[in-house]
PDB file of N, CA and C in Angstrom:
ATOM      1  N   MET A   1       0.750  -1.181   0.020  1.00  0.00           N
ATOM      2  CA  MET A   1       0.021   0.056   0.025  1.00  0.00           C
ATOM      3  C   MET A   1       0.746   1.319   0.068  1.00  0.00           C
ATOM      4  N   SER A   2       0.739   2.217  -0.640  1.00  0.00           N
ATOM      5  CA  SER A   2       1.205   3.348  -1.039  1.00  0.00           C
ATOM      6  C   SER A   2       1.066   4.205   0.160  1.00  0.00           C
ATOM      7  N   ALA A   3       1.932   5.190   0.310  1.00  0.00           N
ATOM      8  CA  ALA A   3       1.702   6.256   1.473  1.00  0.00           C
ATOM      9  C   ALA A   3       0.623   7.459   0.864  1.00  0.00           C
ATOM     10  N   PRO A   4      -0.070   7.895   1.613  1.00  0.00           N
ATOM     11  CA  PRO A   4      -1.003   8.602   1.079  1.00  0.00           C
ATOM     12  C   PRO A   4      -0.631  10.036   0.564  1.00  0.00           C
ATOM     13  N   LYS A   5      -1.368  10.530  -0.523  1.00  0.00           N
ATOM     14  CA  LYS A   5      -0.784  11.817  -0.706  1.00  0.00           C
ATOM     15  C   LYS A   5      -0.948  13.123  -0.001  1.00  0.00           C
ATOM     16  N   PRO A   6       0.038  14.254   0.200  1.00  0.00           N
ATOM     17  CA  PRO A   6      -0.113  15.210   1.125  1.00  0.00           C
ATOM     18  C   PRO A   6      -1.320  15.999   0.233  1.00  0.00           C
ATOM     19  N   PRO A   7      -2.189  16.754   1.213  1.00  0.00           N
ATOM     20  CA  PRO A   7      -3.143  17.656   0.789  1.00  0.00           C
ATOM     21  C   PRO A   7      -2.692  18.736  -0.410  1.00  0.00           C
ATOM     22  N   LEU A   8      -3.502  18.956  -1.388  1.00  0.00           N
ATOM     23  CA  LEU A   8      -3.123  19.979  -2.293  1.00  0.00           C
ATOM     24  C   LEU A   8      -2.782  21.186  -1.278  1.00  0.00           C
ATOM     25  N   ARG A   9      -1.503  21.824  -1.890  1.00  0.00           N
ATOM     26  CA  ARG A   9      -1.414  23.383  -1.112  1.00  0.00           C
ATOM     27  C   ARG A   9      -1.634  24.190  -2.146  1.00  0.00           C
ATOM     28  N   LEU A  10      -2.313  25.479  -1.705  1.00  0.00           N
ATOM     29  CA  LEU A  10      -2.719  26.428  -2.897  1.00  0.00           C
ATOM     30  C   LEU A  10      -1.338  27.347  -3.058  1.00  0.00           C
ATOM     31  N   LEU A  11      -0.403  27.286  -2.248  1.00  0.00           N
ATOM     32  CA  LEU A  11       0.737  28.139  -2.355  1.00  0.00           C
ATOM     33  C   LEU A  11       2.158  27.126  -2.056  1.00  0.00           C
ATOM     34  N   ARG A  12       2.973  27.372  -2.815  1.00  0.00           N
ATOM     35  CA  ARG A  12       4.250  26.645  -2.776  1.00  0.00           C
ATOM     36  C   ARG A  12       5.246  27.862  -2.644  1.00  0.00           C
ATOM     37  N   GLY A  13       5.509  27.645  -1.349  1.00  0.00           N
ATOM     38  CA  GLY A  13       6.347  28.900  -0.899  1.00  0.00           C
ATOM     39  C   GLY A  13       5.753  30.186  -1.028  1.00  0.00           C
ATOM     40  N   ARG A  14       6.191  31.055  -1.946  1.00  0.00           N
ATOM     41  CA  ARG A  14       5.357  32.490  -2.004  1.00  0.00           C
ATOM     42  C   ARG A  14       5.050  32.354  -3.172  1.00  0.00           C
ATOM     43  N   HIS A  15       4.737  31.296  -3.978  1.00  0.00           N
ATOM     44  CA  HIS A  15       4.342  31.153  -5.293  1.00  0.00           C
ATOM     45  C   HIS A  15       2.844  30.456  -5.283  1.00  0.00           C
ATOM     46  N   VAL A  16       1.950  31.156  -6.104  1.00  0.00           N
ATOM     47  CA  VAL A  16       0.534  30.404  -6.346  1.00  0.00           C
ATOM     48  C   VAL A  16       0.256  29.550  -6.982  1.00  0.00           C
ATOM     49  N   HIS A  17      -0.305  28.376  -6.726  1.00  0.00           N
ATOM     50  CA  HIS A  17      -0.293  27.197  -7.383  1.00  0.00           C
ATOM     51  C   HIS A  17      -0.876  27.326  -8.642  1.00  0.00           C
ATOM     52  N   GLU A  18      -0.348  26.543  -9.758  1.00  0.00           N
ATOM     53  CA  GLU A  18      -0.540  26.812 -10.998  1.00  0.00           C
ATOM     54  C   GLU A  18      -2.205  26.723 -11.402  1.00  0.00           C
ATOM     55  N   SER A  19      -2.749  25.725 -10.686  1.00  0.00           N
ATOM     56  CA  SER A  19      -4.147  25.428 -11.008  1.00  0.00           C
ATOM     57  C   SER A  19      -5.003  26.527 -10.595  1.00  0.00           C
ATOM     58  N   ILE A  20      -4.522  27.260  -9.575  1.00  0.00           N
ATOM     59  CA  ILE A  20      -5.479  28.414  -9.162  1.00  0.00           C
ATOM     60  C   ILE A  20      -5.535  29.470 -10.274  1.00  0.00           C
ATOM     61  N   VAL A  21      -4.171  29.692 -10.899  1.00  0.00           N
ATOM     62  CA  VAL A  21      -4.364  30.805 -11.930  1.00  0.00           C
ATOM     63  C   VAL A  21      -4.969  30.247 -13.060  1.00  0.00           C
ATOM     64  N   GLN A  22      -4.994  28.868 -13.181  1.00  0.00           N
ATOM     65  CA  GLN A  22      -5.592  28.564 -14.461  1.00  0.00           C
ATOM     66  C   GLN A  22      -7.161  28.708 -14.444  1.00  0.00           C
ATOM     67  N   ARG A  23      -7.685  28.158 -13.310  1.00  0.00           N
ATOM     68  CA  ARG A  23      -8.838  28.428 -12.645  1.00  0.00           C
ATOM     69  C   ARG A  23      -9.645  29.752 -12.955  1.00  0.00           C
ATOM     70  N   ALA A  24      -8.490  30.679 -12.165  1.00  0.00           N
ATOM     71  CA  ALA A  24      -9.081  32.292 -12.279  1.00  0.00           C
ATOM     72  C   ALA A  24      -8.882  32.767 -13.571  1.00  0.00           C
ATOM     73  N   THR A  25      -8.083  32.422 -14.606  1.00  0.00           N
ATOM     74  CA  THR A  25      -7.832  32.825 -15.744  1.00  0.00           C
ATOM     75  C   THR A  25      -9.156  32.512 -16.680  1.00  0.00           C
ATOM     76  N   ALA A  26      -9.405  31.108 -16.456  1.00  0.00           N
ATOM     77  CA  ALA A  26     -10.628  30.454 -16.989  1.00  0.00           C
ATOM     78  C   ALA A  26     -12.031  31.318 -16.859  1.00  0.00           C
ATOM     79  N   CYS A  27     -12.169  31.605 -15.311  1.00  0.00           N
ATOM     80  CA  CYS A  27     -13.230  32.123 -14.861  1.00  0.00           C
ATOM     81  C   CYS A  27     -13.500  33.649 -15.445  1.00  0.00           C
ATOM     82  N   THR A  28     -12.663  34.307 -15.269  1.00  0.00           N
ATOM     83  CA  THR A  28     -12.361  35.793 -15.871  1.00  0.00           C
ATOM     84  C   THR A  28     -12.761  35.868 -17.217  1.00  0.00           C
ATOM     85  N   ALA A  29     -12.053  35.003 -18.305  1.00  0.00           N
ATOM     86  CA  ALA A  29     -12.218  34.784 -19.478  1.00  0.00           C
ATOM     87  C   ALA A  29     -13.632  34.579 -19.721  1.00  0.00           C
ATOM     88  N   ASP A  30     -14.603  33.664 -19.193  1.00  0.00           N
ATOM     89  CA  ASP A  30     -15.673  33.227 -19.401  1.00  0.00           C
ATOM     90  C   ASP A  30     -16.611  34.392 -19.150  1.00  0.00           C
ATOM     91  N   ARG A  31     -16.304  35.269 -18.084  1.00  0.00           N
ATOM     92  CA  ARG A  31     -17.152  36.314 -17.728  1.00  0.00           C
ATOM     93  C   ARG A  31     -16.895  37.401 -18.268  1.00  0.00           C
ATOM     94  N   SER A  32     -15.885  37.395 -19.330  1.00  0.00           N
ATOM     95  CA  SER A  32     -15.626  38.871 -20.308  1.00  0.00           C
ATOM     96  C   SER A  32     -16.246  38.743 -21.547  1.00  0.00           C
ATOM     97  N   ILE A  33     -16.194  39.733 -22.123  1.00  0.00           N
ATOM     98  CA  ILE A  33     -16.765  39.879 -23.523  1.00  0.00           C
ATOM     99  C   ILE A  33     -15.521  39.618 -24.543  1.00  0.00           C
ATOM    100  N   LEU A  34     -14.810  39.018 -24.116  1.00  0.00           N
ATOM    101  CA  LEU A  34     -13.412  38.643 -25.194  1.00  0.00           C
ATOM    102  C   LEU A  34     -13.745  37.626 -25.987  1.00  0.00           C
ATOM    103  N   THR A  35     -13.447  37.728 -27.402  1.00  0.00           N
ATOM    104  CA  THR A  35     -13.805  36.941 -28.313  1.00  0.00           C
ATOM    105  C   THR A  35     -12.786  35.952 -28.550  1.00  0.00           C
ATOM    106  N   LYS A  36     -11.384  36.090 -28.220  1.00  0.00           N
ATOM    107  CA  LYS A  36     -10.576  35.083 -28.566  1.00  0.00           C
ATOM    108  C   LYS A  36     -10.328  34.585 -27.202  1.00  0.00           C
ATOM    109  N   ARG A  37      -9.554  33.518 -27.283  1.00  0.00           N
ATOM    110  CA  ARG A  37      -9.042  32.552 -26.291  1.00  0.00           C
ATOM    111  C   ARG A  37      -8.122  33.419 -25.712  1.00  0.00           C
ATOM    112  N   ALA A  38      -8.080  33.383 -23.914  1.00  0.00           N
ATOM    113  CA  ALA A  38      -7.214  34.069 -23.172  1.00  0.00           C
ATOM    114  C   ALA A  38      -6.626  32.768 -22.086  1.00  0.00           C
ATOM    115  N   THR A  39      -5.593  32.785 -22.051  1.00  0.00           N
ATOM    116  CA  THR A  39      -4.885  31.693 -21.129  1.00  0.00           C
ATOM    117  C   THR A  39      -3.871  32.335 -20.456  1.00  0.00           C
ATOM    118  N   ARG A  40      -2.965  31.649 -19.360  1.00  0.00           N
ATOM    119  CA  ARG A  40      -1.819  31.950 -18.990  1.00  0.00           C
ATOM    120  C   ARG A  40      -0.905  32.419 -19.709  1.00  0.00           C
ATOM    121  N   HIS A  41      -0.722  31.720 -20.625  1.00  0.00           N
ATOM    122  CA  HIS A  41       0.191  32.254 -21.727  1.00  0.00           C
ATOM    123  C   HIS A  41      -0.143  33.511 -22.533  1.00  0.00           C
ATOM    124  N   THR A  42      -1.168  33.929 -22.562  1.00  0.00           N
ATOM    125  CA  THR A  42      -1.718  35.201 -23.135  1.00  0.00           C
ATOM    126  C   THR A  42      -0.965  36.006 -22.347  1.00  0.00           C
ATOM    127  N   PHE A  43      -1.088  35.880 -20.974  1.00  0.00           N
ATOM    128  CA  PHE A  43      -0.672  36.765 -20.106  1.00  0.00           C
ATOM    129  C   PHE A  43       0.898  36.942 -20.094  1.00  0.00           C
ATOM    130  N   ARG A  44       1.489  36.069 -20.189  1.00  0.00           N
ATOM    131  CA  ARG A  44       2.847  36.089 -20.453  1.00  0.00           C
ATOM    132  C   ARG A  44       3.557  36.808 -21.580  1.00  0.00           C
ATOM    133  N   HIS A  45       2.865  36.199 -22.723  1.00  0.00           N
ATOM    134  CA  HIS A  45       3.087  36.815 -24.277  1.00  0.00           C
ATOM    135  C   HIS A  45       2.969  38.395 -23.837  1.00  0.00           C
ATOM    136  N   SER A  46       1.711  38.790 -23.452  1.00  0.00           N
ATOM    137  CA  SER A  46       1.566  40.249 -23.110  1.00  0.00           C
ATOM    138  C   SER A  46       2.603  40.971 -22.719  1.00  0.00           C
ATOM    139  N   PHE A  47       2.810  40.283 -21.107  1.00  0.00           N
ATOM    140  CA  PHE A  47       4.159  40.713 -20.339  1.00  0.00           C
ATOM    141  C   PHE A  47       4.997  41.066 -21.037  1.00  0.00           C
ATOM    142  N   ALA A  48       5.548  40.134 -21.847  1.00  0.00           N
ATOM    143  CA  ALA A  48       6.976  40.105 -22.487  1.00  0.00           C
ATOM    144  C   ALA A  48       6.914  41.149 -23.670  1.00  0.00           C
ATOM    145  N   THR A  49       5.877  41.294 -24.298  1.00  0.00           N
ATOM    146  CA  THR A  49       5.537  42.164 -25.524  1.00  0.00           C
ATOM    147  C   THR A  49       5.817  43.750 -24.989  1.00  0.00           C
ATOM    148  N   HIS A  50       4.692  43.946 -24.163  1.00  0.00           N
ATOM    149  CA  HIS A  50       4.963  45.266 -23.451  1.00  0.00           C
ATOM    150  C   HIS A  50       6.182  45.546 -22.692  1.00  0.00           C
ATOM    151  N   LEU A  51       7.002  44.877 -22.217  1.00  0.00           N
ATOM    152  CA  LEU A  51       8.456  45.272 -21.455  1.00  0.00           C
ATOM    153  C   LEU A  51       9.320  45.671 -23.097  1.00  0.00           C
ATOM    154  N   LEU A  52       9.109  44.807 -24.027  1.00  0.00           N
ATOM    155  CA  LEU A  52       9.984  44.892 -25.006  1.00  0.00           C
ATOM    156  C   LEU A  52       9.641  46.244 -25.889  1.00  0.00           C
ATOM    157  N   GLU A  53       8.168  46.583 -25.774  1.00  0.00           N
ATOM    158  CA  GLU A  53       7.847  48.050 -26.520  1.00  0.00           C
ATOM    159  C   GLU A  53       8.425  48.942 -25.894  1.00  0.00           C
ATOM    160  N   GLU A  54       8.397  48.821 -24.627  1.00  0.00           N
ATOM    161  CA  GLU A  54       8.953  49.758 -23.428  1.00  0.00           C
ATOM    162  C   GLU A  54      10.263  49.960 -23.553  1.00  0.00           C
ATOM    163  N   GLY A  55      10.998  49.254 -24.268  1.00  0.00           N
ATOM    164  CA  GLY A  55      12.608  49.340 -24.733  1.00  0.00           C
ATOM    165  C   GLY A  55      13.391  48.548 -23.437  1.00  0.00           C
ATOM    166  N   TYR A  56      12.783  47.651 -23.019  1.00  0.00           N
ATOM    167  CA  TYR A  56      13.420  46.852 -22.055  1.00  0.00           C
ATOM    168  C   TYR A  56      14.357  45.816 -23.093  1.00  0.00           C
ATOM    169  N   ASP A  57      15.672  45.545 -22.511  1.00  0.00           N
ATOM    170  CA  ASP A  57      16.671  44.800 -23.068  1.00  0.00           C
ATOM    171  C   ASP A  57      16.206  43.577 -23.255  1.00  0.00           C
ATOM    172  N   ILE A  58      16.201  42.870 -24.505  1.00  0.00           N
ATOM    173  CA  ILE A  58      15.898  41.383 -24.606  1.00  0.00           C
ATOM    174  C   ILE A  58      16.583  40.578 -23.597  1.00  0.00           C
ATOM    175  N   ARG A  59      17.913  40.797 -23.133  1.00  0.00           N
ATOM    176  CA  ARG A  59      18.380  39.665 -22.281  1.00  0.00           C
ATOM    177  C   ARG A  59      17.687  39.986 -20.654  1.00  0.00           C
ATOM    178  N   THR A  60      17.146  41.306 -20.310  1.00  0.00           N
ATOM    179  CA  THR A  60      16.410  41.295 -19.378  1.00  0.00           C
ATOM    180  C   THR A  60      14.879  40.555 -19.071  1.00  0.00           C
ATOM    181  N   VAL A  61      14.350  40.715 -20.797  1.00  0.00           N
ATOM    182  CA  VAL A  61      13.262  39.888 -20.728  1.00  0.00           C
ATOM    183  C   VAL A  61      13.531  38.588 -20.732  1.00  0.00           C
ATOM    184  N   GLN A  62      14.506  38.172 -21.108  1.00  0.00           N
ATOM    185  CA  GLN A  62      14.895  36.538 -21.219  1.00  0.00           C
ATOM    186  C   GLN A  62      15.070  36.382 -19.951  1.00  0.00           C
ATOM    187  N   GLU A  63      15.755  36.865 -19.009  1.00  0.00           N
ATOM    188  CA  GLU A  63      15.601  36.542 -17.788  1.00  0.00           C
ATOM    189  C   GLU A  63      14.696  36.396 -16.810  1.00  0.00           C
ATOM    190  N   LEU A  64      13.560  37.532 -16.934  1.00  0.00           N
ATOM    191  CA  LEU A  64      12.468  37.501 -16.361  1.00  0.00           C
ATOM    192  C   LEU A  64      11.328  36.181 -16.826  1.00  0.00           C
ATOM    193  N   LEU A  65      11.585  35.882 -17.939  1.00  0.00           N
ATOM    194  CA  LEU A  65      10.598  35.003 -18.264  1.00  0.00           C
ATOM    195  C   LEU A  65      11.576  33.502 -18.090  1.00  0.00           C
ATOM    196  N   GLY A  66      12.546  33.285 -17.734  1.00  0.00           N
ATOM    197  CA  GLY A  66      13.461  32.424 -17.337  1.00  0.00           C
ATOM    198  C   GLY A  66      13.575  31.251 -18.704  1.00  0.00           C
ATOM    199  N   HIS A  67      13.867  32.151 -19.673  1.00  0.00           N
ATOM    200  CA  HIS A  67      14.473  31.083 -20.978  1.00  0.00           C
ATOM    201  C   HIS A  67      15.675  31.129 -20.884  1.00  0.00           C
ATOM    202  N   ASN A  68      16.530  29.892 -21.228  1.00  0.00           N
ATOM    203  CA  ASN A  68      17.799  29.485 -21.375  1.00  0.00           C
ATOM    204  C   ASN A  68      18.313  30.109 -22.352  1.00  0.00           C
ATOM    205  N   ASP A  69      17.832  30.096 -23.584  1.00  0.00           N
ATOM    206  CA  ASP A  69      18.005  30.489 -24.756  1.00  0.00           C
ATOM    207  C   ASP A  69      17.593  31.648 -25.292  1.00  0.00           C
ATOM    208  N   VAL A  70      18.133  32.855 -25.794  1.00  0.00           N
ATOM    209  CA  VAL A  70      17.776  34.328 -26.367  1.00  0.00           C
ATOM    210  C   VAL A  70      16.828  34.111 -27.178  1.00  0.00           C
ATOM    211  N   LYS A  71      16.874  32.915 -28.154  1.00  0.00           N
ATOM    212  CA  LYS A  71      16.355  32.718 -29.343  1.00  0.00           C
ATOM    213  C   LYS A  71      14.956  32.415 -28.888  1.00  0.00           C
ATOM    214  N   THR A  72      14.439  31.668 -27.758  1.00  0.00           N
ATOM    215  CA  THR A  72      13.053  31.672 -27.420  1.00  0.00           C
ATOM    216  C   THR A  72      12.562  32.766 -27.166  1.00  0.00           C
ATOM    217  N   THR A  73      13.166  33.750 -26.299  1.00  0.00           N
ATOM    218  CA  THR A  73      12.576  35.351 -26.149  1.00  0.00           C
ATOM    219  C   THR A  73      12.596  35.765 -27.392  1.00  0.00           C
ATOM    220  N   MET A  74      13.336  35.891 -28.403  1.00  0.00           N
ATOM    221  CA  MET A  74      13.097  36.664 -29.578  1.00  0.00           C
ATOM    222  C   MET A  74      11.759  36.509 -30.175  1.00  0.00           C
ATOM    223  N   ILE A  75      11.165  35.456 -30.054  1.00  0.00           N
ATOM    224  CA  ILE A  75       9.712  35.131 -30.743  1.00  0.00           C
ATOM    225  C   ILE A  75       9.001  36.030 -30.246  1.00  0.00           C
ATOM    226  N   TYR A  76       9.063  36.697 -29.063  1.00  0.00           N
ATOM    227  CA  TYR A  76       8.309  37.912 -28.978  1.00  0.00           C
ATOM    228  C   TYR A  76       8.301  39.225 -29.557  1.00  0.00           C
ATOM    229  N   THR A  77       9.720  39.207 -30.193  1.00  0.00           N
ATOM    230  CA  THR A  77       9.874  40.357 -31.048  1.00  0.00           C
ATOM    231  C   THR A  77       9.269  40.628 -32.476  1.00  0.00           C
ATOM    232  N   HIS A  78       8.370  39.518 -32.915  1.00  0.00           N
ATOM    233  CA  HIS A  78       7.950  39.474 -34.205  1.00  0.00           C
ATOM    234  C   HIS A  78       6.605  40.475 -34.242  1.00  0.00           C
ATOM    235  N   VAL A  79       6.284  41.020 -32.902  1.00  0.00           N
ATOM    236  CA  VAL A  79       5.217  41.644 -33.095  1.00  0.00           C
ATOM    237  C   VAL A  79       5.432  43.325 -32.974  1.00  0.00           C
ATOM    238  N   LEU A  80       6.851  43.166 -33.041  1.00  0.00           N
ATOM    239  CA  LEU A  80       7.415  44.756 -32.578  1.00  0.00           C
ATOM    240  C   LEU A  80       7.892  45.176 -34.197  1.00  0.00           C
ATOM    241  N   ASN A  81       7.237  44.859 -35.137  1.00  0.00           N
ATOM    242  CA  ASN A  81       7.764  45.229 -36.282  1.00  0.00           C
ATOM    243  C   ASN A  81       7.199  46.728 -36.543  1.00  0.00           C
ATOM    244  N   ARG A  82       7.864  47.812 -36.002  1.00  0.00           N
ATOM    245  CA  ARG A  82       7.562  49.292 -36.154  1.00  0.00           C
ATOM    246  C   ARG A  82       8.706  49.849 -37.048  1.00  0.00           C
ATOM    247  N   GLY A  83       9.542  49.329 -37.391  1.00  0.00           N
ATOM    248  CA  GLY A  83      10.420  49.967 -38.565  1.00  0.00           C
ATOM    249  C   GLY A  83      11.359  51.069 -37.990  1.00  0.00           C
ATOM    250  N   GLY A  84      11.210  52.178 -38.477  1.00  0.00           N
ATOM    251  CA  GLY A  84      11.795  53.665 -37.708  1.00  0.00           C
ATOM    252  C   GLY A  84      11.281  53.917 -36.771  1.00  0.00           C
ATOM    253  N   LYS A  85       9.995  53.757 -36.487  1.00  0.00           N
ATOM    254  CA  LYS A  85       9.221  53.985 -35.336  1.00  0.00           C
ATOM    255  C   LYS A  85      10.035  53.820 -33.961  1.00  0.00           C
ATOM    256  N   SER A  86      10.672  52.687 -34.028  1.00  0.00           N
ATOM    257  CA  SER A  86      11.243  52.247 -32.617  1.00  0.00           C
ATOM    258  C   SER A  86      12.165  52.965 -32.465  1.00  0.00           C
ATOM    259  N   VAL A  87      12.734  54.041 -33.147  1.00  0.00           N
ATOM    260  CA  VAL A  87      14.116  54.814 -32.545  1.00  0.00           C
ATOM    261  C   VAL A  87      13.232  56.014 -31.981  1.00  0.00           C
ATOM    262  N   ARG A  88      13.692  56.380 -30.708  1.00  0.00           N
ATOM    263  CA  ARG A  88      13.133  57.451 -30.351  1.00  0.00           C
ATOM    264  C   ARG A  88      14.338  58.467 -30.250  1.00  0.00           C
ATOM    265  N   SER A  89      13.990  59.705 -30.333  1.00  0.00           N
ATOM    266  CA  SER A  89      14.771  61.022 -30.255  1.00  0.00           C
ATOM    267  C   SER A  89      15.142  61.080 -28.835  1.00  0.00           C
ATOM    268  N   PRO A  90      16.217  61.589 -28.274  1.00  0.00           N
ATOM    269  CA  PRO A  90      16.422  62.129 -27.025  1.00  0.00           C
ATOM    270  C   PRO A  90      15.720  63.291 -26.758  1.00  0.00           C
ATOM    271  N   VAL A  91      15.363  64.128 -27.625  1.00  0.00           N
ATOM    272  CA  VAL A  91      14.458  65.266 -27.618  1.00  0.00           C
ATOM    273  C   VAL A  91      12.998  64.692 -26.932  1.00  0.00           C
ATOM    274  N   ASP A  92      12.547  63.916 -27.572  1.00  0.00           N
ATOM    275  CA  ASP A  92      11.286  63.427 -27.152  1.00  0.00           C
ATOM    276  C   ASP A  92      11.008  62.712 -25.860  1.00  0.00           C
ATOM    277  N   SER A  93      12.184  62.549 -25.347  1.00  0.00           N
ATOM    278  CA  SER A  93      11.971  61.825 -23.914  1.00  0.00           C
ATOM    279  C   SER A  93      11.419  62.747 -22.947  1.00  0.00           C
ATOM    280  N   PRO A  94      10.732  61.981 -21.988  1.00  0.00           N
ATOM    281  CA  PRO A  94      10.414  63.074 -21.086  1.00  0.00           C
ATOM    282  C   PRO A  94      11.471  63.514 -19.957  1.00  0.00           C
TER     283      PRO A  94
END
């Protein structure tokens, strides 16, 4: 006879259990007027894209997302095709 499984913990140290995030995301998406599918990955992708749009270094984003290879992080740059608009003049800075 195997040992009984420990009870499911909602928190792992300071981290929320992934099933809680999945459930909350699904419930929120169901109650919203979103027409596209929303998942945990949607938030992760949005987070990375916004950081890159704000000018954060690709290596910083790589570290925050926990990617081992920068090529994985480079996937998020495909939505940043802004041409010359990505170059900011120091005069335009606040």
